[in-house]
C-alpha atoms as a PDB file:
ATOM      1  CA  MET A   1      54.698   6.865  10.552  1.00  0.00           C
ATOM      2  CA  ALA A   2      50.959   6.428  10.171  1.00  0.00           C
ATOM      3  CA  THR A   3      49.697   2.868   9.916  1.00  0.00           C
ATOM      4  CA  PRO A   4      47.342   2.323   6.998  1.00  0.00           C
ATOM      5  CA  LYS A   5      43.939   1.055   7.966  1.00  0.00           C
ATOM      6  CA  ASP A   6      42.626  -2.204   6.588  1.00  0.00           C
ATOM      7  CA  THR A   7      40.415  -1.634   3.600  1.00  0.00           C
ATOM      8  CA  PRO A   8      37.154  -3.592   3.310  1.00  0.00           C
ATOM      9  CA  LYS A   9      38.737  -5.570   0.455  1.00  0.00           C
ATOM     10  CA  ARG A  10      41.761  -6.495   2.549  1.00  0.00           C
ATOM     11  CA  SER A  11      39.595  -7.451   5.540  1.00  0.00           C
ATOM     12  CA  ASP A  12      37.458  -9.654   3.317  1.00  0.00           C
ATOM     13  CA  GLY A  13      40.615 -11.352   2.051  1.00  0.00           C
ATOM     14  CA  ILE A  14      41.835 -12.085   5.578  1.00  0.00           C
ATOM     15  CA  GLU A  15      38.451 -13.487   6.542  1.00  0.00           C
ATOM     16  CA  THR A  16      38.407 -15.675   3.432  1.00  0.00           C
ATOM     17  CA  MET A  17      41.875 -17.013   4.230  1.00  0.00           C
ATOM     18  CA  ALA A  18      40.791 -17.789   7.778  1.00  0.00           C
ATOM     19  CA  ARG A  19      37.712 -19.679   6.596  1.00  0.00           C
ATOM     20  CA  LEU A  20      39.748 -21.661   4.085  1.00  0.00           C
ATOM     21  CA  MET A  21      42.335 -22.543   6.723  1.00  0.00           C
ATOM     22  CA  THR A  22      39.691 -23.621   9.217  1.00  0.00           C
ATOM     23  CA  GLN A  23      37.970 -25.884   6.728  1.00  0.00           C
ATOM     24  CA  ALA A  24      41.269 -27.197   5.355  1.00  0.00           C
ATOM     25  CA  ARG A  25      42.299 -28.350   8.827  1.00  0.00           C
ATOM     26  CA  ILE A  26      38.929 -30.001   9.335  1.00  0.00           C
ATOM     27  CA  GLU A  27      39.317 -31.770   6.003  1.00  0.00           C
ATOM     28  CA  LEU A  28      42.839 -32.932   6.841  1.00  0.00           C
ATOM     29  CA  ALA A  29      41.682 -34.347  10.145  1.00  0.00           C
ATOM     30  CA  LYS A  30      38.790 -36.110   8.441  1.00  0.00           C
ATOM     31  CA  ASN A  31      40.343 -37.438   5.233  1.00  0.00           C
ATOM     32  CA  GLY A  32      44.080 -36.770   5.317  1.00  0.00           C
ATOM     33  CA  VAL A  33      46.182 -35.511   2.420  1.00  0.00           C
ATOM     34  CA  ASP A  34      45.457 -38.350  -0.018  1.00  0.00           C
ATOM     35  CA  ASN A  35      41.671 -37.949   0.165  1.00  0.00           C
ATOM     36  CA  PHE A  36      41.609 -34.192   0.706  1.00  0.00           C
ATOM     37  CA  ASP A  37      38.414 -32.876  -0.941  1.00  0.00           C
ATOM     38  CA  VAL A  38      39.131 -29.330  -2.040  1.00  0.00           C
ATOM     39  CA  GLU A  39      35.601 -28.896  -3.404  1.00  0.00           C
ATOM     40  CA  ALA A  40      34.158 -29.641   0.025  1.00  0.00           C
ATOM     41  CA  VAL A  41      36.544 -27.110   1.574  1.00  0.00           C
ATOM     42  CA  LEU A  42      35.493 -24.422  -0.899  1.00  0.00           C
ATOM     43  CA  GLU A  43      31.820 -25.149  -0.316  1.00  0.00           C
ATOM     44  CA  ARG A  44      32.034 -25.121   3.484  1.00  0.00           C
ATOM     45  CA  SER A  45      34.197 -21.995   3.549  1.00  0.00           C
ATOM     46  CA  GLU A  46      31.958 -20.259   0.991  1.00  0.00           C
ATOM     47  CA  ALA A  47      35.032 -19.261  -0.966  1.00  0.00           C
ATOM     48  CA  ALA A  48      35.685 -19.153  -4.693  1.00  0.00           C
ATOM     49  CA  ARG A  49      38.393 -21.286  -6.265  1.00  0.00           C
ATOM     50  CA  SER A  50      40.043 -18.076  -7.439  1.00  0.00           C
ATOM     51  CA  SER A  51      40.388 -17.002  -3.783  1.00  0.00           C
ATOM     52  CA  LEU A  52      42.169 -20.253  -2.948  1.00  0.00           C
ATOM     53  CA  TYR A  53      44.629 -19.721  -5.789  1.00  0.00           C
ATOM     54  CA  HIS A  54      45.095 -16.063  -4.896  1.00  0.00           C
ATOM     55  CA  HIS A  55      45.912 -16.696  -1.231  1.00  0.00           C
ATOM     56  CA  PHE A  56      47.612 -20.113  -1.341  1.00  0.00           C
ATOM     57  CA  GLY A  57      48.687 -20.664  -4.921  1.00  0.00           C
ATOM     58  CA  SER A  58      47.180 -24.123  -5.253  1.00  0.00           C
ATOM     59  CA  LYS A  59      45.328 -26.905  -3.470  1.00  0.00           C
ATOM     60  CA  PHE A  60      48.622 -28.212  -2.131  1.00  0.00           C
ATOM     61  CA  GLY A  61      49.647 -24.748  -0.992  1.00  0.00           C
ATOM     62  CA  LEU A  62      46.517 -24.692   1.143  1.00  0.00           C
ATOM     63  CA  ILE A  63      47.215 -28.195   2.469  1.00  0.00           C
ATOM     64  CA  TYR A  64      50.829 -27.407   3.360  1.00  0.00           C
ATOM     65  CA  THR A  65      49.848 -24.157   5.088  1.00  0.00           C
ATOM     66  CA  ALA A  66      47.148 -25.929   7.092  1.00  0.00           C
ATOM     67  CA  GLN A  67      49.578 -28.711   8.039  1.00  0.00           C
ATOM     68  CA  LEU A  68      52.183 -26.200   9.152  1.00  0.00           C
ATOM     69  CA  GLU A  69      49.691 -24.229  11.243  1.00  0.00           C
ATOM     70  CA  GLU A  70      48.552 -27.421  12.958  1.00  0.00           C
ATOM     71  CA  LEU A  71      52.128 -28.554  13.614  1.00  0.00           C
ATOM     72  CA  VAL A  72      53.228 -25.221  15.072  1.00  0.00           C
ATOM     73  CA  GLU A  73      50.097 -25.031  17.205  1.00  0.00           C
ATOM     74  CA  GLY A  74      50.738 -28.559  18.473  1.00  0.00           C
ATOM     75  CA  LEU A  75      54.377 -27.865  19.292  1.00  0.00           C
ATOM     76  CA  ASN A  76      53.413 -24.738  21.200  1.00  0.00           C
ATOM     77  CA  THR A  77      50.769 -26.633  23.148  1.00  0.00           C
ATOM     78  CA  ASP A  78      53.239 -29.395  24.035  1.00  0.00           C
ATOM     79  CA  ASN A  79      55.837 -26.896  25.185  1.00  0.00           C
ATOM     80  CA  GLN A  80      53.389 -24.877  27.238  1.00  0.00           C
ATOM     81  CA  LEU A  81      52.070 -28.012  28.915  1.00  0.00           C
ATOM     82  CA  PHE A  82      55.561 -29.165  29.825  1.00  0.00           C
ATOM     83  CA  ARG A  83      56.475 -25.682  31.104  1.00  0.00           C
ATOM     84  CA  PHE A  84      53.286 -25.717  33.199  1.00  0.00           C
ATOM     85  CA  LEU A  85      54.357 -29.022  34.767  1.00  0.00           C
ATOM     86  CA  VAL A  86      57.790 -27.579  35.488  1.00  0.00           C
ATOM     87  CA  GLU A  87      56.600 -24.288  36.951  1.00  0.00           C
ATOM     88  CA  THR A  88      53.785 -25.654  39.107  1.00  0.00           C
ATOM     89  CA  ALA A  89      55.513 -28.717  40.566  1.00  0.00           C
ATOM     90  CA  THR A  90      56.530 -28.191  44.195  1.00  0.00           C
ATOM     91  CA  SER A  91      58.871 -31.169  44.455  1.00  0.00           C
ATOM     92  CA  GLU A  92      60.816 -33.687  42.381  1.00  0.00           C
ATOM     93  CA  GLU A  93      58.350 -36.372  43.372  1.00  0.00           C
ATOM     94  CA  GLU A  94      55.379 -34.340  42.193  1.00  0.00           C
ATOM     95  CA  PHE A  95      57.031 -33.355  38.904  1.00  0.00           C
ATOM     96  CA  PHE A  96      58.057 -36.869  37.901  1.00  0.00           C
ATOM     97  CA  ALA A  97      54.716 -38.334  39.005  1.00  0.00           C
ATOM     98  CA  ARG A  98      52.890 -35.856  36.765  1.00  0.00           C
ATOM     99  CA  LEU A  99      55.351 -36.496  33.945  1.00  0.00           C
ATOM    100  CA  ALA A 100      54.641 -40.232  34.264  1.00  0.00           C
ATOM    101  CA  GLU A 101      50.905 -39.504  33.957  1.00  0.00           C
ATOM    102  CA  LEU A 102      51.568 -37.467  30.833  1.00  0.00           C
ATOM    103  CA  MET A 103      53.672 -40.262  29.355  1.00  0.00           C
ATOM    104  CA  ARG A 104      50.873 -42.760  29.926  1.00  0.00           C
ATOM    105  CA  ALA A 105      48.488 -40.381  28.172  1.00  0.00           C
ATOM    106  CA  THR A 106      50.594 -40.682  24.991  1.00  0.00           C
ATOM    107  CA  SER A 107      49.078 -44.134  24.492  1.00  0.00           C
ATOM    108  CA  THR A 108      45.550 -42.757  24.140  1.00  0.00           C
ATOM    109  CA  LYS A 109      43.724 -42.553  20.823  1.00  0.00           C
ATOM    110  CA  GLU A 110      44.044 -38.767  20.791  1.00  0.00           C
ATOM    111  CA  PHE A 111      47.840 -38.902  20.920  1.00  0.00           C
ATOM    112  CA  VAL A 112      48.002 -41.714  18.356  1.00  0.00           C
ATOM    113  CA  GLU A 113      46.085 -39.514  15.914  1.00  0.00           C
ATOM    114  CA  LEU A 114      48.292 -36.534  16.744  1.00  0.00           C
ATOM    115  CA  ARG A 115      51.453 -38.502  15.954  1.00  0.00           C
ATOM    116  CA  ARG A 116      49.933 -39.752  12.714  1.00  0.00           C
ATOM    117  CA  ARG A 117      49.187 -36.238  11.542  1.00  0.00           C
ATOM    118  CA  ARG A 118      52.636 -34.972  12.492  1.00  0.00           C
ATOM    119  CA  ILE A 119      54.260 -37.765  10.522  1.00  0.00           C
ATOM    120  CA  GLN A 120      52.121 -36.749   7.540  1.00  0.00           C
ATOM    121  CA  VAL A 121      53.416 -33.191   7.784  1.00  0.00           C
ATOM    122  CA  LEU A 122      57.028 -34.367   7.925  1.00  0.00           C
ATOM    123  CA  ALA A 123      56.414 -36.622   4.934  1.00  0.00           C
ATOM    124  CA  SER A 124      54.938 -33.711   2.975  1.00  0.00           C
ATOM    125  CA  ALA A 125      58.010 -31.630   3.800  1.00  0.00           C
ATOM    126  CA  THR A 126      60.294 -34.111   2.025  1.00  0.00           C
ATOM    127  CA  HIS A 127      59.105 -32.734  -1.322  1.00  0.00           C
ATOM    128  CA  ASN A 128      58.309 -29.147  -0.384  1.00  0.00           C
ATOM    129  CA  GLU A 129      61.285 -26.944   0.452  1.00  0.00           C
ATOM    130  CA  LYS A 130      59.243 -24.059   1.837  1.00  0.00           C
ATOM    131  CA  LEU A 131      57.322 -26.337   4.177  1.00  0.00           C
ATOM    132  CA  ALA A 132      60.547 -28.050   5.229  1.00  0.00           C
ATOM    133  CA  GLU A 133      62.182 -24.719   6.082  1.00  0.00           C
ATOM    134  CA  ALA A 134      59.124 -23.538   8.000  1.00  0.00           C
ATOM    135  CA  ILE A 135      59.083 -26.775   9.993  1.00  0.00           C
ATOM    136  CA  ARG A 136      62.804 -26.457  10.673  1.00  0.00           C
ATOM    137  CA  VAL A 137      62.328 -22.975  12.107  1.00  0.00           C
ATOM    138  CA  ALA A 138      59.343 -24.039  14.219  1.00  0.00           C
ATOM    139  CA  GLN A 139      61.189 -27.105  15.487  1.00  0.00           C
ATOM    140  CA  VAL A 140      64.313 -25.154  16.400  1.00  0.00           C
ATOM    141  CA  GLU A 141      62.350 -22.484  18.251  1.00  0.00           C
ATOM    142  CA  GLY A 142      60.159 -25.045  20.005  1.00  0.00           C
ATOM    143  CA  ASN A 143      63.079 -27.157  21.161  1.00  0.00           C
ATOM    144  CA  LEU A 144      64.909 -24.108  22.485  1.00  0.00           C
ATOM    145  CA  TYR A 145      61.839 -23.389  24.609  1.00  0.00           C
ATOM    146  CA  PHE A 146      61.780 -26.997  25.827  1.00  0.00           C
ATOM    147  CA  THR A 147      65.476 -26.755  26.673  1.00  0.00           C
ATOM    148  CA  GLU A 148      64.759 -23.654  28.753  1.00  0.00           C
ATOM    149  CA  SER A 149      62.208 -25.687  30.714  1.00  0.00           C
ATOM    150  CA  LEU A 150      64.843 -28.347  31.381  1.00  0.00           C
ATOM    151  CA  GLU A 151      67.207 -25.591  32.511  1.00  0.00           C
ATOM    152  CA  ILE A 152      64.676 -24.575  35.143  1.00  0.00           C
ATOM    153  CA  LEU A 153      64.726 -28.132  36.471  1.00  0.00           C
ATOM    154  CA  ARG A 154      68.515 -28.160  36.505  1.00  0.00           C
ATOM    155  CA  THR A 155      68.639 -24.848  38.358  1.00  0.00           C
ATOM    156  CA  ARG A 156      66.393 -26.342  41.031  1.00  0.00           C
ATOM    157  CA  GLY A 157      68.731 -29.294  41.326  1.00  0.00           C
ATOM    158  CA  TRP A 158      66.089 -31.802  40.202  1.00  0.00           C
ATOM    159  CA  ILE A 159      68.072 -32.999  37.177  1.00  0.00           C
ATOM    160  CA  ASN A 160      71.777 -33.231  36.452  1.00  0.00           C
ATOM    161  CA  PRO A 161      72.324 -34.364  32.846  1.00  0.00           C
ATOM    162  CA  THR A 162      75.795 -35.401  31.726  1.00  0.00           C
ATOM    163  CA  HIS A 163      75.065 -34.292  28.160  1.00  0.00           C
ATOM    164  CA  ASP A 164      74.191 -30.923  26.635  1.00  0.00           C
ATOM    165  CA  LEU A 165      70.594 -30.014  27.512  1.00  0.00           C
ATOM    166  CA  HIS A 166      69.818 -29.050  23.934  1.00  0.00           C
ATOM    167  CA  ALA A 167      70.942 -32.468  22.723  1.00  0.00           C
ATOM    168  CA  VAL A 168      68.876 -34.093  25.470  1.00  0.00           C
ATOM    169  CA  THR A 169      65.829 -32.184  24.204  1.00  0.00           C
ATOM    170  CA  TYR A 170      66.211 -33.633  20.715  1.00  0.00           C
ATOM    171  CA  MET A 171      66.641 -37.139  22.118  1.00  0.00           C
ATOM    172  CA  ILE A 172      63.427 -36.794  24.122  1.00  0.00           C
ATOM    173  CA  GLN A 173      61.545 -35.463  21.095  1.00  0.00           C
ATOM    174  CA  GLY A 174      62.859 -38.324  18.994  1.00  0.00           C
ATOM    175  CA  LEU A 175      61.732 -40.830  21.595  1.00  0.00           C
ATOM    176  CA  LEU A 176      58.226 -39.391  21.703  1.00  0.00           C
ATOM    177  CA  ILE A 177      57.735 -39.238  17.933  1.00  0.00           C
ATOM    178  CA  GLY A 178      59.200 -42.736  17.702  1.00  0.00           C
ATOM    179  CA  HIS A 179      56.111 -43.989  19.515  1.00  0.00           C
ATOM    180  CA  ILE A 180      54.568 -44.032  16.026  1.00  0.00           C
ATOM    181  CA  MET A 181      56.312 -47.373  15.379  1.00  0.00           C
ATOM    182  CA  LEU A 182      54.278 -49.024  18.113  1.00  0.00           C
ATOM    183  CA  ASP A 183      51.162 -47.270  16.817  1.00  0.00           C
ATOM    184  CA  PHE A 184      51.660 -48.865  13.403  1.00  0.00           C
ATOM    185  CA  SER A 185      52.288 -52.283  14.938  1.00  0.00           C
ATOM    186  CA  GLN A 186      48.922 -52.160  16.739  1.00  0.00           C
ATOM    187  CA  LEU A 187      50.137 -54.085  19.775  1.00  0.00           C
ATOM    188  CA  PRO A 188      48.303 -52.451  22.698  1.00  0.00           C
ATOM    189  CA  GLU A 189      49.652 -55.065  25.097  1.00  0.00           C
ATOM    190  CA  LEU A 190      53.080 -53.442  24.713  1.00  0.00           C
ATOM    191  CA  GLU A 191      51.946 -49.905  25.552  1.00  0.00           C
ATOM    192  CA  GLU A 192      52.433 -50.156  29.312  1.00  0.00           C
ATOM    193  CA  GLY A 193      55.947 -51.545  28.877  1.00  0.00           C
ATOM    194  CA  TRP A 194      56.776 -48.830  26.331  1.00  0.00           C
ATOM    195  CA  VAL A 195      55.658 -46.086  28.697  1.00  0.00           C
ATOM    196  CA  GLU A 196      57.677 -47.528  31.576  1.00  0.00           C
ATOM    197  CA  MET A 197      60.833 -47.851  29.463  1.00  0.00           C
ATOM    198  CA  ALA A 198      60.354 -44.400  27.934  1.00  0.00           C
ATOM    199  CA  MET A 199      60.004 -42.898  31.397  1.00  0.00           C
ATOM    200  CA  GLN A 200      63.137 -44.683  32.586  1.00  0.00           C
ATOM    201  CA  THR A 201      65.012 -43.478  29.507  1.00  0.00           C
ATOM    202  CA  ILE A 202      63.998 -39.860  30.040  1.00  0.00           C
ATOM    203  CA  VAL A 203      64.911 -39.979  33.725  1.00  0.00           C
ATOM    204  CA  THR A 204      68.331 -41.373  32.804  1.00  0.00           C
ATOM    205  CA  MET A 205      68.925 -38.787  30.053  1.00  0.00           C
ATOM    206  CA  VAL A 206      68.120 -35.851  32.315  1.00  0.00           C
ATOM    207  CA  GLY A 207      70.235 -37.254  35.146  1.00  0.00           C
ATOM    208  CA  ALA A 208      67.456 -37.458  37.728  1.00  0.00           C
ATOM    209  CA  ASN A 209      67.560 -39.504  40.913  1.00  0.00           C
ATOM    210  CA  GLU A 210      67.464 -43.248  40.190  1.00  0.00           C
ATOM    211  CA  LYS A 211      64.455 -43.689  42.458  1.00  0.00           C
ATOM    212  CA  PHE A 212      62.338 -42.005  39.769  1.00  0.00           C
ATOM    213  CA  GLN A 213      63.219 -44.619  37.131  1.00  0.00           C
ATOM    214  CA  THR A 214      60.399 -46.910  38.260  1.00  0.00           C
ATOM    215  CA  LEU A 215      57.958 -44.124  39.018  1.00  0.00           C
ATOM    216  CA  ALA A 216      55.814 -44.849  35.959  1.00  0.00           C
ATOM    217  CA  LYS A 217      55.270 -48.415  37.100  1.00  0.00           C
ATOM    218  CA  VAL A 218      54.721 -47.509  40.748  1.00  0.00           C
ATOM    219  CA  SER A 219      52.271 -44.723  39.886  1.00  0.00           C
ATOM    220  CA  LYS A 220      50.318 -47.082  37.653  1.00  0.00           C
ATOM    221  CA  LYS A 221      49.814 -49.503  40.541  1.00  0.00           C
ATOM    222  CA  LYS A 222      48.622 -46.735  42.798  1.00  0.00           C
END
């Protein structure tokens, strides 16, 4: 069957959607949902209000779509980074040392902002069924990928969890997103202790050698 070629009108529509999405994500990062300035988005994207309504239905349709795109992109990046650590590590020691470095990085300003934005998306999903379903699908697919990465570690004999790997994945994800509670408390003096305990918790959940439970602390001193 022949594939119809894009007409100029259709191509223009795709380009307009892309510009709106780009500017919507910039606006979300700058002002969040509550102070989202749709007029600024339209001006920067050089798009008419009618185009926004045509492609996204409403201002909030644009916001939800931009939030979803950012969330999915972030999940994919996280998963690919973890898979990279798994596939390139040449020993248990190297893998857990690099994992400890990554855990410490979660205390940086960049990760604090990332968690804040993800919480905003989840909050938006509580009153938007389509967004909630899209997030559910993305989360399920992303966690299956993460579980596959853990399976690689188990096959190598580096971990030996007593619980289902898929369940372990969700526990790890819950632990990481739960870091937001410390973010809100604004107690930086607790960050180092949080990272050490989180690392110990992960090592225990995946059934790794006990010697790696203090690796975060030891690596920090080095």
